[in-house]
Amino acid sequence: MIDINYDKITDYDYKLFWLKNHYDEGKEKITDEEWQKLEERKLTTDDIQKLKLERITEDDLSEYDDKDKKAAYIYYLMNVGYSYAEKTIKNEDVSDEEYALVSENISKLNGVNTKLDWNREYLYGDTLKTILGSVSTTKSGIPKELKDYYLKKGYSLDDRVGTSYLEYQYEDILKGTKNKYLVLNDGSYKLLEEGKRGQDITLTIDIELQEYVEKVLEEEVLKTKNEPNTEYYNRSFVIITEPNSGEILAMAGKQVKKENEEYKIYDYTPGILTSPVVVGSAVKGASQIVGYNTGALKINEKRYDTCIKIAGTPIKCSWKYLGYLNDINALAQSSNTYQFLTAINVGKGKYAYDKPLKIDTAAFETYRNTFKEFGLGVSTGIDLPVESLGYKGTSTKPGHLLDFSIGQYDTYTPIQLSQYIGTIANNGSRVKPYLLKGYYNDGKITNQTERKELNKVNTEEKYMKRVKEGFEAVMKYGTGVGYINMSYKPAGKTGTSQSFIDTDGNGVVDKETITTTFVSYAPSDNPKVTFTVISPDVSHSEGRSTYQSNINKRIADAISKKYFEIYK
């Protein structure tokens, strides 16, 4: 009745089919001596079965034609998996004629049934497809690793379920309910309760902005890979949010790989949640809050930017000589030395050039506790099932405290950095980022997700205001000039960090690279949007070349213009 491709049947399953049809011949494959050993428990029934299968010859199987081979494959499909579970014989490319023929002969096909199935349609192609997630097939049913979870919720083993990201996160909303029947004595069924389709959901994603972001990322990642000094670069990330509510308007990651001498682009959006990076100076806003809170830094405090040298460690400097700076200019020009001196004060240390430095190691927790209030090093609460917390360094050496203060020690994910800049935009209110806007019914959105504040940064308003002034200065005359058009009134922070990677896969870190980051919000006087752009390993400091791609600037400029074009 149906056409079926039996190419996937194995020799093992083919031989099992032969044994079922040739019971007596199968017994004759075993010698009297072997049967005796079975009685003496020197062989097991499994051993006997194995011997039978091994002794089935090509000659034995030659009697079967294509129709028999199809029957063998159907027999295999009927027996695969749990004995009590529904088995799928054919669920792809079923013709109307096949469906009708089997359906009208159900009374003659004991144990066989037909039912309609579905496939998820992605209206925007691969756009955000990895974050939308995947659904199991009728054939696979509940994945083995999720079996206990779904069975406890009343699912059947052959049910199709969400297995990753949003499909998994909101399975309870999307799934619907089944018809309920009463089985009568004569084997017939009586409908007790009619099932209902699952809810439709709508996301916070602006699809026009999302498609544009992915297009820009693909172009820029490919362009950057063809620039000098990018041997180890292979990915970039973008996140755009509405900071006050926590709505994610667009999020994308793109990875470039070389295949057959050509570069190809792949989606890497899940890396926004799972790929921690060394983010560098972007975190200096949080570092200055630590300084203000502890008295290690005062508003408008002036310091001289020079290199720091601790005995037995490499010299530590800013990216260039910056002269005298106050706290605003230290953020604008991204002074490392300014943060180093704050960190030494937080650690109650006394610094002298090229002398040993002792600090109170409790300073590490002082920094980390404040960073957590911004969303760095903790779960952001995003409504997706997988999220990395990043790497937390274990050393408490004085030099590592200095590294920590400039974002060169612990690692953070792109979504954590996005929450951090949103917290600054919100004057210290950390809100949960989310993708589910609500349920979609008859053209209306119901059950809308409400804004959820996770915590407030423990600091005085004047200190947060000072950081925000510094972030405005970054964009006006500091390291962020040219990233976003000044007519949008942006505030933000750039970051550059040294990272270390394993280039040959032997488990040993062997190359130093440069990672660049950029975080921003706008308008600065009433933030409506945040932009986060991260490009790990975008260049390296080995050899003569000092070229560093300005990919983050190009991306930030393009996506900010598109955002303000849409949200005029």
Protein backbone atom coordinates (compact mmCIF):
# COMPACT_ATOMS: atom_id res chain seq x y z
CA MET A 1 0.00 0.00 0.00
CA ILE A 2 2.88 2.37 0.63
CA ASP A 3 6.18 3.03 -1.07
CA ILE A 4 9.05 2.87 1.38
CA ASN A 5 12.79 3.32 1.04
CA TYR A 6 14.54 0.36 2.65
CA ASP A 7 18.10 1.60 2.08
CA LYS A 8 18.57 2.21 5.81
CA ILE A 9 18.02 -1.41 6.82
CA THR A 10 21.15 -3.06 8.20
CA ASP A 11 22.40 -6.59 7.57
CA TYR A 12 21.66 -7.35 11.22
CA ASP A 13 17.97 -6.35 10.92
CA TYR A 14 17.68 -8.12 7.57
CA LYS A 15 18.95 -11.35 9.12
CA LEU A 16 16.56 -10.98 12.08
CA PHE A 17 13.72 -10.82 9.59
CA TRP A 18 14.97 -13.99 7.92
CA LEU A 19 15.09 -15.80 11.29
CA LYS A 20 11.49 -14.83 12.04
CA ASN A 21 10.43 -16.34 8.73
CA HIS A 22 12.68 -19.42 8.98
CA TYR A 23 12.36 -20.65 12.53
CA ASP A 24 13.28 -24.29 11.86
CA GLU A 25 16.13 -23.41 9.47
CA GLY A 26 17.45 -21.04 12.09
CA LYS A 27 17.55 -23.81 14.70
CA GLU A 28 19.51 -25.98 12.29
CA LYS A 29 22.28 -23.35 12.25
CA ILE A 30 23.17 -24.50 15.78
CA THR A 31 25.06 -27.77 16.34
CA ASP A 32 23.98 -30.45 18.81
CA GLU A 33 27.11 -29.70 20.82
CA GLU A 34 26.11 -26.01 21.08
CA TRP A 35 22.58 -26.89 22.16
CA GLN A 36 24.12 -29.11 24.84
CA LYS A 37 26.30 -26.22 26.02
CA LEU A 38 23.17 -24.06 26.27
CA GLU A 39 21.58 -26.67 28.56
CA GLU A 40 24.77 -26.75 30.62
CA ARG A 41 24.69 -22.93 30.80
CA LYS A 42 28.04 -22.68 29.08
CA LEU A 43 26.28 -20.65 26.40
CA THR A 44 23.43 -18.17 26.78
CA THR A 45 20.39 -17.63 24.57
CA ASP A 46 22.07 -14.41 23.40
CA ASP A 47 25.09 -16.47 22.35
CA ILE A 48 22.85 -18.83 20.40
CA GLN A 49 21.09 -15.93 18.69
CA LYS A 50 24.43 -14.41 17.75
CA LEU A 51 25.62 -17.70 16.25
CA LYS A 52 22.43 -18.03 14.21
CA LEU A 53 22.85 -14.54 12.78
CA GLU A 54 26.51 -15.10 11.97
CA ARG A 55 25.66 -18.28 10.02
CA ILE A 56 22.98 -16.78 7.81
CA THR A 57 24.53 -16.70 4.36
CA GLU A 58 24.04 -14.57 1.28
CA ASP A 59 22.51 -17.68 -0.26
CA ASP A 60 19.87 -17.73 2.49
CA LEU A 61 18.97 -14.11 1.85
CA SER A 62 18.94 -14.42 -1.95
CA GLU A 63 15.33 -15.65 -1.97
CA TYR A 64 14.14 -12.15 -1.00
CA ASP A 65 13.09 -9.61 -3.62
CA ASP A 66 12.52 -5.86 -3.24
CA LYS A 67 9.05 -6.36 -1.81
CA ASP A 68 10.45 -8.67 0.87
CA LYS A 69 13.14 -6.12 1.69
CA LYS A 70 10.49 -3.45 2.20
CA ALA A 71 8.62 -5.86 4.47
CA ALA A 72 11.82 -6.46 6.42
CA TYR A 73 12.29 -2.73 6.91
CA ILE A 74 8.68 -2.26 8.00
CA TYR A 75 9.12 -5.14 10.45
CA TYR A 76 12.21 -3.38 11.82
CA LEU A 77 10.30 -0.09 12.21
CA MET A 78 7.50 -1.90 14.05
CA ASN A 79 9.96 -3.24 16.60
CA VAL A 80 12.36 -0.34 17.17
CA GLY A 81 12.17 1.45 20.54
CA TYR A 82 9.84 0.74 23.45
CA SER A 83 7.43 -2.16 22.91
CA TYR A 84 4.45 -0.19 24.20
CA ALA A 85 5.15 2.99 22.24
CA GLU A 86 3.51 3.99 18.98
CA LYS A 87 5.82 3.32 16.04
CA THR A 88 6.08 5.48 12.94
CA ILE A 89 6.31 3.59 9.65
CA LYS A 90 6.27 6.56 7.29
CA ASN A 91 5.92 10.23 8.11
CA GLU A 92 7.61 12.07 5.27
CA ASP A 93 6.49 12.40 1.65
CA VAL A 94 3.30 10.44 2.27
CA SER A 95 1.12 10.83 -0.81
CA ASP A 96 -2.62 11.51 -0.60
CA GLU A 97 -3.21 8.17 -2.30
CA GLU A 98 -1.14 6.26 0.26
CA TYR A 99 -2.83 8.01 3.18
CA ALA A 100 -6.29 7.30 1.76
CA LEU A 101 -5.53 3.65 0.90
CA VAL A 102 -4.22 2.81 4.38
CA SER A 103 -6.97 4.79 6.11
CA GLU A 104 -9.80 3.01 4.30
CA ASN A 105 -8.29 -0.40 5.10
CA ILE A 106 -7.65 0.20 8.82
CA SER A 107 -10.21 -2.49 9.75
CA LYS A 108 -8.05 -5.07 7.97
CA LEU A 109 -4.74 -3.79 9.39
CA ASN A 110 -4.77 -4.81 13.02
CA GLY A 111 -2.74 -2.38 15.13
CA VAL A 112 -2.17 0.08 12.28
CA ASN A 113 -3.51 3.63 12.21
CA THR A 114 -3.07 6.91 10.35
CA LYS A 115 -2.92 10.45 11.68
CA LEU A 116 -1.98 13.89 10.45
CA ASP A 117 1.40 15.32 11.42
CA TRP A 118 2.94 18.76 11.09
CA ASN A 119 6.24 20.53 10.54
CA ARG A 120 7.30 23.89 11.90
CA GLU A 121 7.39 26.51 9.16
CA TYR A 122 10.04 29.21 9.47
CA LEU A 123 8.54 32.23 7.71
CA TYR A 124 11.80 34.17 7.82
CA GLY A 125 14.12 31.36 6.75
CA ASP A 126 17.13 30.98 9.02
CA THR A 127 16.60 34.31 10.80
CA LEU A 128 16.84 33.66 14.57
CA LYS A 129 16.18 29.97 13.81
CA THR A 130 18.65 28.64 16.39
CA ILE A 131 17.02 30.66 19.18
CA LEU A 132 13.51 29.64 18.09
CA GLY A 133 14.76 26.13 18.80
CA SER A 134 13.85 22.71 17.48
CA VAL A 135 11.10 20.12 17.88
CA SER A 136 11.50 16.35 17.93
CA THR A 137 10.10 14.32 15.05
CA THR A 138 7.22 11.87 15.20
CA LYS A 139 9.75 9.10 14.64
CA SER A 140 12.12 10.17 17.42
CA GLY A 141 9.48 11.21 19.94
CA ILE A 142 10.77 12.36 23.32
CA PRO A 143 14.58 12.54 23.33
CA LYS A 144 16.16 10.03 25.69
CA GLU A 145 17.85 12.72 27.77
CA LEU A 146 14.50 14.48 28.33
CA LYS A 147 12.41 11.33 28.87
CA ASP A 148 11.94 11.60 32.65
CA TYR A 149 11.17 15.32 32.46
CA TYR A 150 8.41 14.91 29.88
CA LEU A 151 6.93 11.63 31.17
CA LYS A 152 6.36 13.25 34.58
CA LYS A 153 4.36 15.93 32.79
CA GLY A 154 2.04 13.32 31.24
CA TYR A 155 3.56 13.04 27.78
CA SER A 156 3.74 9.85 25.71
CA LEU A 157 7.10 8.59 24.49
CA ASP A 158 6.16 9.24 20.86
CA ASP A 159 4.99 12.82 21.43
CA ARG A 160 6.69 15.60 19.54
CA VAL A 161 8.21 18.05 21.98
CA GLY A 162 10.38 21.13 22.09
CA THR A 163 13.99 20.08 22.53
CA SER A 164 15.93 23.36 22.58
CA TYR A 165 15.71 27.09 23.26
CA LEU A 166 12.27 28.76 22.85
CA GLU A 167 10.52 25.57 21.68
CA TYR A 168 11.72 23.87 24.87
CA GLN A 169 11.29 26.91 27.12
CA TYR A 170 7.64 27.42 26.19
CA GLU A 171 6.59 23.84 25.39
CA ASP A 172 3.81 24.01 28.01
CA ILE A 173 2.26 26.98 26.22
CA LEU A 174 2.78 25.77 22.66
CA LYS A 175 1.81 22.10 23.00
CA GLY A 176 -2.00 22.13 23.28
CA THR A 177 -4.01 19.19 24.67
CA LYS A 178 -5.04 15.84 23.19
CA ASN A 179 -8.51 14.38 22.66
CA LYS A 180 -9.62 12.12 25.52
CA TYR A 181 -11.56 8.94 24.73
CA LEU A 182 -13.40 6.26 26.62
CA VAL A 183 -12.55 2.76 25.30
CA LEU A 184 -15.74 0.70 25.11
CA ASN A 185 -16.04 -3.09 25.56
CA ASP A 186 -16.34 -3.70 21.83
CA GLY A 187 -13.05 -1.90 21.19
CA SER A 188 -14.65 1.27 19.88
CA TYR A 189 -13.99 4.76 21.25
CA LYS A 190 -16.20 7.50 22.67
CA LEU A 191 -14.91 11.10 22.72
CA LEU A 192 -14.98 12.46 26.26
CA GLU A 193 -13.06 15.69 25.88
CA GLU A 194 -11.98 17.45 22.72
CA GLY A 195 -8.36 18.55 22.53
CA LYS A 196 -7.27 22.11 21.98
CA ARG A 197 -4.48 23.58 19.87
CA GLY A 198 -1.59 25.17 21.67
CA GLN A 199 -1.22 28.89 22.19
CA ASP A 200 0.57 31.04 19.66
CA ILE A 201 3.21 33.28 21.19
CA THR A 202 4.69 36.53 19.99
CA LEU A 203 8.24 37.64 20.67
CA THR A 204 9.81 40.95 21.58
CA ILE A 205 11.98 40.66 18.48
CA ASP A 206 11.52 43.39 15.86
CA ILE A 207 11.81 41.24 12.74
CA GLU A 208 12.82 44.15 10.47
CA LEU A 209 15.61 45.10 12.86
CA GLN A 210 16.59 41.45 13.39
CA GLU A 211 16.92 40.75 9.68
CA TYR A 212 18.98 43.89 9.22
CA VAL A 213 21.29 43.06 12.13
CA GLU A 214 21.93 39.58 10.75
CA LYS A 215 22.62 40.99 7.29
CA VAL A 216 25.09 43.56 8.66
CA LEU A 217 26.79 40.94 10.83
CA GLU A 218 27.23 38.53 7.92
CA GLU A 219 28.73 41.26 5.74
CA GLU A 220 31.02 42.65 8.43
CA VAL A 221 32.24 39.27 9.71
CA LEU A 222 33.20 38.27 6.18
CA LYS A 223 34.78 41.65 5.46
CA THR A 224 36.80 41.52 8.69
CA LYS A 225 38.05 38.02 7.99
CA ASN A 226 39.61 39.38 4.80
CA GLU A 227 41.39 42.17 6.67
CA PRO A 228 44.99 41.86 7.91
CA ASN A 229 45.87 40.44 11.33
CA THR A 230 42.64 38.43 11.69
CA GLU A 231 44.00 34.88 11.56
CA TYR A 232 42.26 33.87 14.80
CA TYR A 233 39.08 35.91 14.44
CA ASN A 234 35.90 33.97 13.63
CA ARG A 235 32.77 35.50 15.22
CA SER A 236 30.91 38.61 16.38
CA PHE A 237 27.77 39.24 18.44
CA VAL A 238 25.09 41.95 18.57
CA ILE A 239 22.29 42.53 21.09
CA ILE A 240 19.76 45.37 20.99
CA THR A 241 17.39 45.84 23.92
CA GLU A 242 14.81 48.19 25.35
CA PRO A 243 16.54 48.82 28.71
CA ASN A 244 13.62 49.86 30.88
CA SER A 245 11.42 46.84 30.07
CA GLY A 246 14.11 44.26 29.32
CA GLU A 247 12.67 43.46 25.88
CA ILE A 248 15.21 42.04 23.43
CA LEU A 249 14.62 43.72 20.07
CA ALA A 250 17.35 41.87 18.16
CA MET A 251 20.11 39.40 18.96
CA ALA A 252 22.50 37.67 16.61
CA GLY A 253 25.86 35.96 16.43
CA LYS A 254 27.63 35.04 13.22
CA GLN A 255 30.63 32.76 12.79
CA VAL A 256 32.92 32.49 9.78
CA LYS A 257 34.65 29.25 8.75
CA LYS A 258 36.89 28.40 5.83
CA GLU A 259 35.67 25.51 3.71
CA ASN A 260 37.23 24.49 0.38
CA GLU A 261 39.27 27.69 0.27
CA GLU A 262 36.15 29.84 0.74
CA TYR A 263 34.77 31.55 3.82
CA LYS A 264 31.24 30.59 4.83
CA ILE A 265 28.99 32.22 7.42
CA TYR A 266 27.12 30.21 10.08
CA ASP A 267 24.67 31.26 12.74
CA TYR A 268 26.20 31.48 16.19
CA THR A 269 23.43 33.28 18.09
CA PRO A 270 23.35 30.78 21.00
CA GLY A 271 26.90 31.96 21.77
CA ILE A 272 25.32 35.13 23.16
CA LEU A 273 24.36 33.03 26.16
CA THR A 274 27.07 30.38 26.16
CA SER A 275 30.34 32.00 25.04
CA PRO A 276 32.04 34.00 27.82
CA VAL A 277 34.76 36.42 26.72
CA VAL A 278 37.24 38.77 28.32
CA VAL A 279 35.34 42.03 27.77
CA GLY A 280 37.96 44.59 28.77
CA SER A 281 37.38 48.26 29.54
CA ALA A 282 33.63 48.19 28.88
CA VAL A 283 33.19 47.27 32.57
CA LYS A 284 34.97 50.35 33.91
CA GLY A 285 31.63 51.95 34.76
CA ALA A 286 31.07 49.23 37.35
CA SER A 287 34.70 49.53 38.51
CA GLN A 288 34.25 53.21 39.25
CA ILE A 289 31.10 52.50 41.25
CA VAL A 290 33.22 50.15 43.40
CA GLY A 291 35.69 52.98 43.89
CA TYR A 292 33.04 55.55 44.81
CA ASN A 293 31.22 53.17 47.18
CA THR A 294 34.36 52.24 49.11
CA GLY A 295 35.88 55.73 49.25
CA ALA A 296 38.77 54.56 47.09
CA LEU A 297 37.76 57.15 44.48
CA LYS A 298 36.24 60.58 44.87
CA ILE A 299 34.20 62.56 42.36
CA ASN A 300 36.47 64.75 40.21
CA GLU A 301 39.60 63.19 41.72
CA LYS A 302 42.60 63.97 39.51
CA ARG A 303 45.34 61.41 38.90
CA TYR A 304 48.39 61.20 36.70
CA ASP A 305 48.26 58.49 34.06
CA THR A 306 51.53 56.57 34.11
CA CYS A 307 52.59 52.95 34.00
CA ILE A 308 52.23 50.73 37.07
CA LYS A 309 55.00 48.27 37.96
CA ILE A 310 54.70 45.65 40.71
CA ALA A 311 57.85 43.74 41.61
CA GLY A 312 58.18 40.49 39.65
CA THR A 313 55.34 41.26 37.22
CA PRO A 314 55.16 42.87 33.76
CA ILE A 315 54.59 46.62 33.57
CA LYS A 316 50.93 47.70 33.26
CA CYS A 317 50.00 50.82 31.28
CA SER A 318 47.10 52.56 29.59
CA TRP A 319 46.79 52.24 25.82
CA LYS A 320 48.75 55.50 25.49
CA TYR A 321 50.10 58.28 27.70
CA LEU A 322 47.08 60.29 28.89
CA GLY A 323 48.50 62.80 31.40
CA TYR A 324 46.35 64.17 34.25
CA LEU A 325 42.77 62.92 34.32
CA ASN A 326 39.69 63.23 36.48
CA ASP A 327 37.10 60.45 36.81
CA ILE A 328 35.08 61.63 33.77
CA ASN A 329 38.08 61.84 31.47
CA ALA A 330 39.42 58.54 32.81
CA LEU A 331 36.28 56.87 31.40
CA ALA A 332 36.31 58.94 28.22
CA GLN A 333 39.93 58.07 27.42
CA SER A 334 39.73 54.58 28.99
CA SER A 335 42.65 55.01 31.37
CA ASN A 336 43.86 51.72 32.83
CA THR A 337 46.12 53.43 35.34
CA TYR A 338 43.21 55.34 36.83
CA GLN A 339 41.42 52.05 37.55
CA PHE A 340 44.63 50.41 38.83
CA LEU A 341 45.04 53.14 41.45
CA THR A 342 41.41 52.73 42.48
CA ALA A 343 41.85 48.96 42.81
CA ILE A 344 44.95 49.42 44.97
CA ASN A 345 42.94 51.72 47.23
CA VAL A 346 40.04 49.25 47.39
CA GLY A 347 42.56 46.59 48.42
CA LYS A 348 44.06 48.93 51.05
CA GLY A 349 47.47 48.62 49.44
CA LYS A 350 50.42 50.99 49.30
CA TYR A 351 52.00 51.28 45.90
CA ALA A 352 55.63 52.05 45.05
CA TYR A 353 57.14 51.56 41.61
CA ASP A 354 58.68 48.07 41.14
CA LYS A 355 58.10 47.19 44.81
CA PRO A 356 56.01 44.32 46.20
CA LEU A 357 52.34 45.14 46.64
CA LYS A 358 50.18 43.70 49.38
CA ILE A 359 46.41 43.95 49.27
CA ASP A 360 43.44 42.78 51.27
CA THR A 361 42.16 39.91 49.13
CA ALA A 362 38.59 40.70 50.24
CA ALA A 363 38.80 43.36 47.53
CA PHE A 364 38.07 40.67 44.92
CA GLU A 365 34.70 39.95 46.49
CA THR A 366 34.04 43.66 46.90
CA TYR A 367 34.44 44.07 43.15
CA ARG A 368 32.55 40.90 42.27
CA ASN A 369 29.60 41.71 44.51
CA THR A 370 29.12 45.07 42.81
CA PHE A 371 29.66 43.61 39.34
CA LYS A 372 26.94 41.04 40.09
CA GLU A 373 24.53 43.86 40.83
CA PHE A 374 25.08 45.00 37.23
CA GLY A 375 24.54 41.46 35.88
CA LEU A 376 28.18 40.52 35.39
CA GLY A 377 29.06 37.01 36.57
CA VAL A 378 25.47 35.99 37.42
CA SER A 379 22.44 34.67 35.56
CA THR A 380 20.64 37.42 33.69
CA GLY A 381 17.33 35.57 34.05
CA ILE A 382 16.72 35.48 30.28
CA ASP A 383 13.85 33.18 29.29
CA LEU A 384 15.99 30.55 27.59
CA PRO A 385 17.02 27.18 29.08
CA VAL A 386 20.80 27.54 28.67
CA GLU A 387 23.00 30.29 30.07
CA SER A 388 26.66 30.32 31.05
CA LEU A 389 27.77 32.36 34.03
CA GLY A 390 31.27 32.93 32.70
CA TYR A 391 34.65 32.13 34.26
CA LYS A 392 35.58 33.30 37.74
CA GLY A 393 39.32 33.53 38.38
CA THR A 394 40.70 31.86 41.51
CA SER A 395 43.97 33.72 42.02
CA THR A 396 44.06 36.57 44.55
CA LYS A 397 47.39 38.04 43.51
CA PRO A 398 47.52 41.86 43.57
CA GLY A 399 48.19 42.04 39.83
CA HIS A 400 45.03 40.10 39.11
CA LEU A 401 42.96 42.57 41.13
CA LEU A 402 44.29 45.29 38.87
CA ASP A 403 43.41 43.15 35.84
CA PHE A 404 39.93 42.60 37.23
CA SER A 405 39.30 46.34 37.51
CA ILE A 406 39.80 46.80 33.76
CA GLY A 407 37.85 43.71 32.66
CA GLN A 408 40.90 41.53 32.07
CA TYR A 409 40.34 38.70 34.55
CA ASP A 410 36.85 37.20 34.93
CA THR A 411 34.91 36.48 31.74
CA TYR A 412 31.33 37.44 30.90
CA THR A 413 28.83 36.47 28.22
CA PRO A 414 27.44 38.94 25.66
CA ILE A 415 24.01 38.81 27.33
CA GLN A 416 25.58 39.69 30.69
CA LEU A 417 27.35 42.67 29.13
CA SER A 418 24.04 43.73 27.58
CA GLN A 419 22.34 43.60 30.97
CA TYR A 420 25.22 45.62 32.44
CA ILE A 421 24.79 48.53 30.03
CA GLY A 422 21.02 48.33 30.49
CA THR A 423 21.49 48.65 34.25
CA ILE A 424 23.52 51.83 33.79
CA ALA A 425 20.91 53.20 31.37
CA ASN A 426 18.24 52.47 34.02
CA ASN A 427 20.13 54.43 36.72
CA GLY A 428 21.11 51.23 38.53
CA SER A 429 17.96 49.14 38.07
CA ARG A 430 18.80 45.65 36.75
CA VAL A 431 15.87 44.15 34.85
CA LYS A 432 15.34 40.69 33.45
CA PRO A 433 15.84 40.42 29.67
CA TYR A 434 13.16 38.45 27.86
CA LEU A 435 11.96 37.26 24.45
CA LEU A 436 8.34 36.27 25.16
CA LYS A 437 6.14 39.32 24.68
CA GLY A 438 2.89 37.44 25.25
CA TYR A 439 0.24 35.11 23.80
CA TYR A 440 -1.18 35.91 20.38
CA ASN A 441 -4.96 35.59 20.00
CA ASP A 442 -7.11 36.97 17.17
CA GLY A 443 -4.61 39.67 16.32
CA LYS A 444 -4.21 40.76 19.94
CA ILE A 445 -1.42 40.17 22.44
CA THR A 446 -2.57 38.85 25.82
CA ASN A 447 -0.77 37.60 28.94
CA GLN A 448 2.01 40.07 28.28
CA THR A 449 5.30 39.57 30.10
CA GLU A 450 5.71 42.19 32.79
CA ARG A 451 8.90 44.08 33.56
CA LYS A 452 10.81 42.39 36.35
CA GLU A 453 13.41 44.27 38.35
CA LEU A 454 16.01 41.86 39.73
CA ASN A 455 17.86 44.32 41.96
CA LYS A 456 19.13 47.87 42.33
CA VAL A 457 22.83 48.67 42.31
CA ASN A 458 23.81 49.60 45.84
CA THR A 459 25.22 53.08 45.28
CA GLU A 460 24.29 56.73 45.61
CA GLU A 461 22.50 58.49 42.78
CA LYS A 462 25.33 61.00 42.38
CA TYR A 463 27.80 58.19 41.65
CA MET A 464 25.64 56.58 38.96
CA LYS A 465 25.10 60.02 37.46
CA ARG A 466 28.87 60.54 37.37
CA VAL A 467 29.41 57.27 35.49
CA LYS A 468 26.73 58.24 32.99
CA GLU A 469 28.45 61.58 32.44
CA GLY A 470 31.66 59.67 31.77
CA PHE A 471 29.88 57.44 29.26
CA GLU A 472 28.56 60.50 27.45
CA ALA A 473 32.10 61.87 27.31
CA VAL A 474 33.28 58.57 25.77
CA MET A 475 31.04 59.23 22.78
CA LYS A 476 31.63 62.98 22.53
CA TYR A 477 35.43 63.14 22.63
CA GLY A 478 36.72 59.82 23.91
CA THR A 479 37.37 56.35 22.52
CA GLY A 480 33.77 56.00 21.27
CA VAL A 481 33.84 58.89 18.81
CA GLY A 482 32.29 57.86 15.50
CA TYR A 483 30.57 54.70 16.77
CA ILE A 484 27.09 56.27 16.87
CA ASN A 485 25.85 59.51 15.32
CA MET A 486 25.84 62.23 17.98
CA SER A 487 22.38 63.40 16.90
CA TYR A 488 21.06 60.30 18.71
CA LYS A 489 22.63 61.52 22.00
CA PRO A 490 24.52 58.29 22.72
CA ALA A 491 26.42 57.29 25.85
CA GLY A 492 28.63 54.22 25.99
CA LYS A 493 31.95 52.56 26.55
CA THR A 494 34.46 50.78 24.36
CA GLY A 495 36.57 47.87 25.52
CA THR A 496 39.76 46.20 24.35
CA SER A 497 41.19 43.19 26.10
CA GLN A 498 43.99 40.71 25.79
CA SER A 499 42.71 37.17 25.37
CA PHE A 500 44.55 33.89 25.12
CA ILE A 501 43.53 31.00 22.88
CA ASP A 502 44.55 27.47 21.94
CA THR A 503 45.15 27.63 18.18
CA ASP A 504 46.10 24.01 17.48
CA GLY A 505 43.63 22.18 19.74
CA ASN A 506 46.24 20.54 21.97
CA GLY A 507 44.78 21.93 25.17
CA VAL A 508 47.58 24.48 25.65
CA VAL A 509 46.94 28.22 25.31
CA ASP A 510 49.52 29.43 22.80
CA LYS A 511 48.41 32.77 21.28
CA GLU A 512 47.56 36.19 22.65
CA THR A 513 44.69 37.92 20.83
CA ILE A 514 42.73 41.14 21.10
CA THR A 515 38.99 41.15 21.84
CA THR A 516 36.99 44.33 21.28
CA THR A 517 33.67 45.25 22.88
CA PHE A 518 31.26 48.17 22.70
CA VAL A 519 28.22 48.98 24.84
CA SER A 520 25.96 51.98 24.46
CA TYR A 521 22.53 53.44 25.14
CA ALA A 522 20.58 56.35 23.66
CA PRO A 523 19.30 58.98 24.08
CA SER A 524 21.49 59.62 27.10
CA ASP A 525 18.87 61.79 28.84
CA ASN A 526 16.06 59.24 28.40
CA PRO A 527 17.41 55.84 27.26
CA LYS A 528 15.17 53.92 24.87
CA VAL A 529 17.68 51.43 23.46
CA THR A 530 20.96 49.67 24.27
CA PHE A 531 23.49 48.33 21.77
CA THR A 532 26.06 45.65 22.59
CA VAL A 533 28.69 44.57 20.06
CA ILE A 534 31.43 42.02 20.77
CA SER A 535 34.17 40.71 18.47
CA PRO A 536 36.41 38.15 20.20
CA ASP A 537 39.98 37.55 18.95
CA VAL A 538 39.59 40.19 16.25
CA SER A 539 43.34 40.75 16.01
CA HIS A 540 46.57 39.71 17.70
CA SER A 541 49.76 41.36 18.89
CA GLU A 542 52.20 38.84 17.43
CA GLY A 543 54.63 39.96 14.73
CA ARG A 544 55.01 43.37 13.16
CA SER A 545 51.39 44.05 12.23
CA THR A 546 49.50 46.29 14.65
CA TYR A 547 46.37 46.58 12.49
CA GLN A 548 43.14 46.27 14.46
CA SER A 549 39.83 46.06 12.64
CA ASN A 550 37.20 48.69 13.43
CA ILE A 551 34.40 46.14 12.91
CA ASN A 552 32.59 47.13 16.12
CA LYS A 553 32.47 50.78 15.02
CA ARG A 554 31.09 49.82 11.60
CA ILE A 555 28.46 47.52 13.10
CA ALA A 556 27.42 50.01 15.79
CA ASP A 557 27.06 52.81 13.27
CA ALA A 558 24.93 50.68 10.91
CA ILE A 559 22.59 49.12 13.47
CA SER A 560 22.04 52.36 15.41
CA LYS A 561 21.06 54.17 12.21
CA LYS A 562 18.62 51.37 11.36
CA TYR A 563 17.11 51.42 14.86
CA PHE A 564 16.46 55.17 14.76
CA GLU A 565 15.11 54.86 11.23
CA ILE A 566 12.51 52.39 12.51
CA TYR A 567 11.84 54.09 15.86
CA LYS A 568 11.79 57.73 14.78
